[in-house]
């Protein structure tokens, strides 16, 4: 099976990877992700590579329970959504980034 890829910029990829690392956020030990199995997430990804088919409320609810120190790193709902989607796409699903800003 061909490895799945997604187009992004290196800056965007690094920004959200670094935010997740600094905040200590990871999915590495979960069986369910926002209520979805890995297979279900893959099906959602195939339909929409940016996982816009996961309700924003799912990501917003995660922001509301972030510790105070984490909210100094992830400062708003938009960043929160991007960080979680980054983790789902690259960490959970293992999608390979294709940097569009690298000629």
N, C-alpha and C. Protein backbone atom coordinates (compact mmCIF):
# COMPACT_ATOMS: atom_id res chain seq x y z
N UNK A 1 0.83 -1.19 0.00
CA UNK A 1 0.00 0.00 0.00
C UNK A 1 0.87 1.25 0.00
N UNK A 2 0.53 2.19 -0.83
CA UNK A 2 1.28 3.44 -0.94
C UNK A 2 1.12 4.26 0.35
N UNK A 3 2.24 4.82 0.82
CA UNK A 3 2.21 5.65 2.02
C UNK A 3 1.43 6.93 1.71
N UNK A 4 0.51 7.28 2.61
CA UNK A 4 -0.28 8.50 2.43
C UNK A 4 0.56 9.73 2.72
N UNK A 5 0.31 10.79 1.98
CA UNK A 5 1.05 12.05 2.11
C UNK A 5 0.07 13.20 2.18
N UNK A 6 0.53 14.32 2.75
CA UNK A 6 -0.27 15.53 2.81
C UNK A 6 0.64 16.72 2.54
N UNK A 7 0.14 17.68 1.78
CA UNK A 7 0.91 18.89 1.49
C UNK A 7 0.74 19.88 2.64
N UNK A 8 1.85 20.48 3.02
CA UNK A 8 1.87 21.50 4.07
C UNK A 8 3.14 22.33 3.88
N UNK A 9 3.28 23.36 4.68
CA UNK A 9 4.54 24.10 4.67
C UNK A 9 5.40 23.59 5.81
N UNK A 10 6.69 23.70 5.65
CA UNK A 10 7.59 23.26 6.71
C UNK A 10 7.38 24.10 7.97
N UNK A 11 7.11 25.39 7.78
CA UNK A 11 6.88 26.27 8.93
C UNK A 11 5.66 25.86 9.74
N UNK A 12 4.57 25.55 9.05
CA UNK A 12 3.35 25.11 9.73
C UNK A 12 3.58 23.78 10.45
N UNK A 13 4.19 22.86 9.76
CA UNK A 13 4.48 21.55 10.36
C UNK A 13 5.30 21.70 11.63
N UNK A 14 6.40 22.46 11.54
CA UNK A 14 7.29 22.65 12.68
C UNK A 14 6.61 23.40 13.83
N UNK A 15 5.81 24.40 13.49
CA UNK A 15 5.13 25.20 14.52
C UNK A 15 4.25 24.32 15.41
N UNK A 16 3.39 23.51 14.80
CA UNK A 16 2.45 22.72 15.58
C UNK A 16 3.12 21.51 16.22
N UNK A 17 4.14 20.96 15.59
CA UNK A 17 4.91 19.88 16.22
C UNK A 17 5.59 20.40 17.48
N UNK A 18 6.21 21.58 17.36
CA UNK A 18 6.92 22.16 18.49
C UNK A 18 5.97 22.55 19.62
N UNK A 19 4.80 23.10 19.26
CA UNK A 19 3.81 23.45 20.29
C UNK A 19 3.37 22.20 21.06
N UNK A 20 3.10 21.13 20.34
CA UNK A 20 2.66 19.89 20.99
C UNK A 20 3.75 19.36 21.92
N UNK A 21 4.99 19.37 21.45
CA UNK A 21 6.10 18.89 22.26
C UNK A 21 6.28 19.74 23.50
N UNK A 22 6.27 21.06 23.32
CA UNK A 22 6.46 21.97 24.45
C UNK A 22 5.33 21.83 25.47
N UNK A 23 4.11 21.61 24.98
CA UNK A 23 2.94 21.46 25.86
C UNK A 23 2.86 20.06 26.46
N UNK A 24 3.63 19.13 25.94
CA UNK A 24 3.61 17.76 26.44
C UNK A 24 2.37 16.98 26.01
N UNK A 25 1.83 17.33 24.84
CA UNK A 25 0.63 16.68 24.33
C UNK A 25 1.01 15.60 23.33
N UNK A 26 0.42 14.41 23.49
CA UNK A 26 0.71 13.29 22.60
C UNK A 26 -0.45 12.31 22.65
N UNK A 27 -0.57 11.51 21.61
CA UNK A 27 -1.57 10.45 21.55
C UNK A 27 -0.93 9.07 21.61
N UNK A 28 0.33 8.98 21.87
CA UNK A 28 1.08 7.75 21.67
C UNK A 28 0.52 6.52 22.39
N UNK A 29 -0.26 6.69 23.44
CA UNK A 29 -0.73 5.53 24.19
C UNK A 29 -2.24 5.33 24.14
N UNK A 30 -2.92 5.92 23.21
CA UNK A 30 -4.39 5.83 23.15
C UNK A 30 -4.86 4.78 22.15
N UNK A 31 -6.05 4.26 22.41
CA UNK A 31 -6.73 3.38 21.46
C UNK A 31 -7.84 4.12 20.74
N UNK A 32 -8.33 5.18 21.35
CA UNK A 32 -9.40 6.00 20.75
C UNK A 32 -8.91 7.45 20.72
N UNK A 33 -9.29 8.14 19.67
CA UNK A 33 -8.85 9.51 19.46
C UNK A 33 -10.09 10.34 19.17
N UNK A 34 -10.48 11.18 20.12
CA UNK A 34 -11.72 11.95 19.99
C UNK A 34 -12.91 11.03 19.73
N UNK A 35 -12.85 9.83 20.29
CA UNK A 35 -13.93 8.87 20.14
C UNK A 35 -13.84 7.99 18.91
N UNK A 36 -12.78 8.15 18.11
CA UNK A 36 -12.60 7.37 16.88
C UNK A 36 -11.45 6.39 17.04
N UNK A 37 -11.58 5.22 16.43
CA UNK A 37 -10.44 4.30 16.36
C UNK A 37 -9.50 4.81 15.27
N UNK A 38 -8.33 4.24 15.20
CA UNK A 38 -7.37 4.63 14.16
C UNK A 38 -7.95 4.36 12.77
N UNK A 39 -8.63 3.25 12.60
CA UNK A 39 -9.24 2.92 11.31
C UNK A 39 -10.33 3.93 10.94
N UNK A 40 -11.14 4.32 11.91
CA UNK A 40 -12.18 5.31 11.66
C UNK A 40 -11.56 6.66 11.30
N UNK A 41 -10.48 7.02 11.99
CA UNK A 41 -9.77 8.26 11.67
C UNK A 41 -9.21 8.22 10.25
N UNK A 42 -8.67 7.09 9.87
CA UNK A 42 -8.12 6.95 8.53
C UNK A 42 -9.22 7.16 7.49
N UNK A 43 -10.39 6.60 7.74
CA UNK A 43 -11.53 6.79 6.82
C UNK A 43 -11.92 8.26 6.75
N UNK A 44 -11.92 8.95 7.89
CA UNK A 44 -12.21 10.39 7.90
C UNK A 44 -11.15 11.16 7.14
N UNK A 45 -9.89 10.77 7.32
CA UNK A 45 -8.78 11.44 6.63
C UNK A 45 -8.89 11.27 5.11
N UNK A 46 -9.24 10.09 4.67
CA UNK A 46 -9.36 9.84 3.24
C UNK A 46 -10.47 10.71 2.63
N UNK A 47 -11.53 10.95 3.38
CA UNK A 47 -12.61 11.81 2.91
C UNK A 47 -12.22 13.28 2.92
N UNK A 48 -11.40 13.68 3.92
CA UNK A 48 -10.97 15.08 4.06
C UNK A 48 -9.60 15.09 4.72
N UNK A 49 -8.57 15.38 3.92
CA UNK A 49 -7.19 15.33 4.41
C UNK A 49 -6.89 16.25 5.58
N UNK A 50 -7.76 17.19 5.85
CA UNK A 50 -7.50 18.12 6.96
C UNK A 50 -8.41 17.87 8.15
N UNK A 51 -9.12 16.74 8.12
CA UNK A 51 -9.99 16.30 9.21
C UNK A 51 -11.02 17.35 9.61
N UNK A 52 -11.49 18.11 8.64
CA UNK A 52 -12.54 19.08 8.91
C UNK A 52 -13.88 18.40 9.19
N UNK A 53 -13.93 17.08 9.02
CA UNK A 53 -15.14 16.33 9.31
C UNK A 53 -15.26 15.92 10.78
N UNK A 54 -14.28 16.26 11.59
CA UNK A 54 -14.38 16.09 13.04
C UNK A 54 -14.94 17.40 13.59
N UNK A 55 -16.02 17.34 14.35
CA UNK A 55 -16.65 18.57 14.85
C UNK A 55 -15.67 19.42 15.68
N UNK A 56 -15.71 20.72 15.46
CA UNK A 56 -14.84 21.63 16.21
C UNK A 56 -15.05 21.52 17.71
N UNK A 57 -16.26 21.19 18.12
CA UNK A 57 -16.56 21.05 19.54
C UNK A 57 -15.66 20.00 20.20
N UNK A 58 -15.27 18.99 19.43
CA UNK A 58 -14.38 17.96 19.97
C UNK A 58 -13.02 18.57 20.36
N UNK A 59 -12.50 19.42 19.49
CA UNK A 59 -11.22 20.06 19.78
C UNK A 59 -11.37 21.13 20.86
N UNK A 60 -12.47 21.88 20.80
CA UNK A 60 -12.72 22.93 21.80
C UNK A 60 -12.80 22.36 23.20
N UNK A 61 -13.42 21.20 23.34
CA UNK A 61 -13.55 20.60 24.67
C UNK A 61 -12.18 20.21 25.23
N UNK A 62 -11.25 19.86 24.37
CA UNK A 62 -9.89 19.54 24.83
C UNK A 62 -9.18 20.79 25.34
N UNK A 63 -9.45 21.92 24.70
CA UNK A 63 -8.81 23.17 25.13
C UNK A 63 -9.27 23.57 26.52
N UNK A 64 -10.54 23.34 26.79
CA UNK A 64 -11.11 23.76 28.08
C UNK A 64 -10.49 23.03 29.26
N UNK A 65 -9.93 21.87 29.03
CA UNK A 65 -9.34 21.11 30.14
C UNK A 65 -7.81 21.17 30.17
N UNK A 66 -7.22 21.98 29.29
CA UNK A 66 -5.76 22.13 29.31
C UNK A 66 -5.32 22.83 30.59
N UNK A 67 -4.23 22.37 31.19
CA UNK A 67 -3.70 23.07 32.37
C UNK A 67 -3.28 24.49 32.03
N UNK A 68 -3.24 25.34 33.04
CA UNK A 68 -2.90 26.75 32.86
C UNK A 68 -1.57 26.94 32.13
N UNK A 69 -0.54 26.19 32.53
CA UNK A 69 0.77 26.36 31.89
C UNK A 69 0.73 26.01 30.40
N UNK A 70 -0.14 25.08 30.02
CA UNK A 70 -0.26 24.70 28.62
C UNK A 70 -0.93 25.81 27.82
N UNK A 71 -1.85 26.52 28.46
CA UNK A 71 -2.52 27.62 27.77
C UNK A 71 -1.59 28.80 27.51
N UNK A 72 -0.43 28.79 28.11
CA UNK A 72 0.58 29.80 27.79
C UNK A 72 1.31 29.43 26.50
N UNK A 73 1.22 28.17 26.10
CA UNK A 73 1.84 27.68 24.87
C UNK A 73 0.82 27.66 23.74
N UNK A 74 -0.33 27.08 24.02
CA UNK A 74 -1.43 27.01 23.06
C UNK A 74 -2.45 28.04 23.53
N UNK A 75 -2.43 29.21 22.91
CA UNK A 75 -3.11 30.37 23.50
C UNK A 75 -4.55 30.59 23.05
N UNK A 76 -5.03 29.83 22.05
CA UNK A 76 -6.40 30.06 21.59
C UNK A 76 -6.97 28.79 20.95
N UNK A 77 -8.26 28.82 20.67
CA UNK A 77 -8.94 27.65 20.13
C UNK A 77 -8.42 27.25 18.75
N UNK A 78 -8.05 28.22 17.93
CA UNK A 78 -7.54 27.91 16.59
C UNK A 78 -6.23 27.13 16.67
N UNK A 79 -5.30 27.60 17.50
CA UNK A 79 -4.03 26.89 17.68
C UNK A 79 -4.28 25.50 18.26
N UNK A 80 -5.20 25.42 19.20
CA UNK A 80 -5.54 24.15 19.82
C UNK A 80 -6.00 23.14 18.76
N UNK A 81 -6.90 23.56 17.90
CA UNK A 81 -7.41 22.68 16.85
C UNK A 81 -6.27 22.24 15.93
N UNK A 82 -5.42 23.17 15.55
CA UNK A 82 -4.30 22.83 14.66
C UNK A 82 -3.32 21.85 15.30
N UNK A 83 -3.05 22.02 16.58
CA UNK A 83 -2.14 21.11 17.28
C UNK A 83 -2.72 19.70 17.32
N UNK A 84 -3.98 19.58 17.70
CA UNK A 84 -4.60 18.25 17.78
C UNK A 84 -4.69 17.60 16.40
N UNK A 85 -5.05 18.38 15.38
CA UNK A 85 -5.11 17.81 14.03
C UNK A 85 -3.72 17.38 13.57
N UNK A 86 -2.71 18.17 13.89
CA UNK A 86 -1.33 17.80 13.56
C UNK A 86 -1.00 16.44 14.17
N UNK A 87 -1.32 16.27 15.44
CA UNK A 87 -1.02 15.00 16.11
C UNK A 87 -1.80 13.84 15.49
N UNK A 88 -3.06 14.07 15.18
CA UNK A 88 -3.86 13.00 14.57
C UNK A 88 -3.29 12.59 13.21
N UNK A 89 -2.96 13.58 12.40
CA UNK A 89 -2.48 13.30 11.04
C UNK A 89 -1.08 12.68 11.04
N UNK A 90 -0.15 13.28 11.76
CA UNK A 90 1.24 12.84 11.66
C UNK A 90 1.62 11.78 12.69
N UNK A 91 1.13 11.88 13.92
CA UNK A 91 1.52 10.94 14.97
C UNK A 91 0.66 9.68 14.93
N UNK A 92 -0.65 9.86 14.90
CA UNK A 92 -1.55 8.70 14.96
C UNK A 92 -1.61 7.97 13.62
N UNK A 93 -1.88 8.72 12.55
CA UNK A 93 -2.04 8.09 11.24
C UNK A 93 -0.72 7.88 10.50
N UNK A 94 0.32 8.59 10.90
CA UNK A 94 1.63 8.43 10.27
C UNK A 94 1.69 8.95 8.84
N UNK A 95 0.90 9.97 8.55
CA UNK A 95 0.89 10.57 7.21
C UNK A 95 2.21 11.32 7.01
N UNK A 96 2.79 11.20 5.84
CA UNK A 96 4.06 11.85 5.53
C UNK A 96 3.82 13.27 5.03
N UNK A 97 4.51 14.27 5.63
CA UNK A 97 4.35 15.64 5.13
C UNK A 97 5.13 15.85 3.82
N UNK A 98 4.53 16.55 2.90
CA UNK A 98 5.21 16.99 1.68
C UNK A 98 5.27 18.51 1.76
N UNK A 99 6.46 19.04 1.93
CA UNK A 99 6.60 20.48 2.12
C UNK A 99 6.53 21.20 0.78
N UNK A 100 5.50 22.02 0.64
CA UNK A 100 5.28 22.73 -0.62
C UNK A 100 6.22 23.92 -0.78
N UNK A 101 6.88 24.33 0.29
CA UNK A 101 7.79 25.46 0.21
C UNK A 101 9.25 25.00 0.02
N UNK A 102 9.44 23.75 -0.36
CA UNK A 102 10.79 23.20 -0.58
C UNK A 102 10.97 22.82 -2.04
N UNK A 103 10.90 23.80 -2.92
CA UNK A 103 11.09 23.63 -4.35
C UNK A 103 11.16 22.27 -4.81
